[in-house]
Protein backbone atom coordinates (compact mmCIF):
# COMPACT_ATOMS: atom_id res chain seq x y z
CA MET A 1 -15.47 -38.25 14.12
CA SER A 2 -13.29 -37.11 16.97
CA ASP A 3 -13.48 -38.03 20.64
CA ASP A 4 -11.63 -34.86 21.59
CA PRO A 5 -13.93 -32.72 23.78
CA LYS A 6 -12.07 -29.57 22.67
CA PHE A 7 -12.99 -30.16 19.03
CA ASP A 8 -16.11 -28.25 18.01
CA PRO A 9 -16.72 -28.00 14.26
CA ALA A 10 -19.13 -25.09 14.62
CA THR A 11 -16.63 -23.02 16.61
CA ASP A 12 -13.81 -23.93 14.24
CA LEU A 13 -15.91 -22.86 11.28
CA GLN A 14 -16.76 -19.55 12.95
CA LEU A 15 -13.08 -18.87 13.65
CA PHE A 16 -12.17 -19.79 10.08
CA ARG A 17 -14.84 -17.45 8.67
CA ALA A 18 -13.71 -14.61 10.96
CA ARG A 19 -10.10 -14.96 9.81
CA GLN A 20 -11.22 -15.23 6.19
CA LYS A 21 -13.31 -12.06 6.53
CA ALA A 22 -10.37 -10.18 8.05
CA ARG A 23 -8.07 -11.30 5.22
CA ASN A 24 -10.63 -10.30 2.61
CA ARG A 25 -11.00 -6.84 4.12
CA ALA A 26 -7.23 -6.36 4.24
CA LEU A 27 -6.89 -7.46 0.62
CA GLY A 28 -9.73 -5.16 -0.40
CA PHE A 29 -8.04 -2.24 1.33
CA VAL A 30 -4.75 -2.95 -0.46
CA LEU A 31 -6.50 -3.17 -3.84
CA LEU A 32 -8.38 0.07 -3.18
CA ALA A 33 -5.12 1.79 -2.22
CA LEU A 34 -3.52 0.64 -5.48
CA VAL A 35 -6.45 1.92 -7.52
CA VAL A 36 -6.24 5.32 -5.81
CA LEU A 37 -2.46 5.42 -6.32
CA PHE A 38 -2.71 4.58 -10.04
CA PHE A 39 -5.50 7.12 -10.48
CA ALA A 40 -3.44 9.84 -8.76
CA ILE A 41 -0.37 9.05 -10.86
CA THR A 42 -2.46 9.19 -14.04
CA ILE A 43 -4.00 12.55 -13.11
CA VAL A 44 -0.59 14.04 -12.26
CA LYS A 45 0.94 12.79 -15.52
CA MET A 46 -1.98 14.13 -17.54
CA GLY A 47 -1.64 17.49 -15.78
CA LEU A 48 2.09 17.67 -16.47
CA HIS A 49 1.60 16.70 -20.10
CA SER A 50 -1.11 19.29 -20.74
CA SER A 51 0.91 22.09 -19.15
CA GLY A 52 3.93 21.33 -21.35
CA GLN A 53 6.33 20.48 -18.53
CA MET A 54 7.24 17.07 -19.96
């Protein structure tokens, strides 16, 4: 293993998991925002089409 006293696998794993969790939440937020955006665009286009403005 390592003789470095600063090296702690448990702490490193906890830091890795925390960063991974933050990235996953950010990615989830971006995906959710895209879904909402596509849904809104679809609703607006359907509304314009049904009212004859297209």
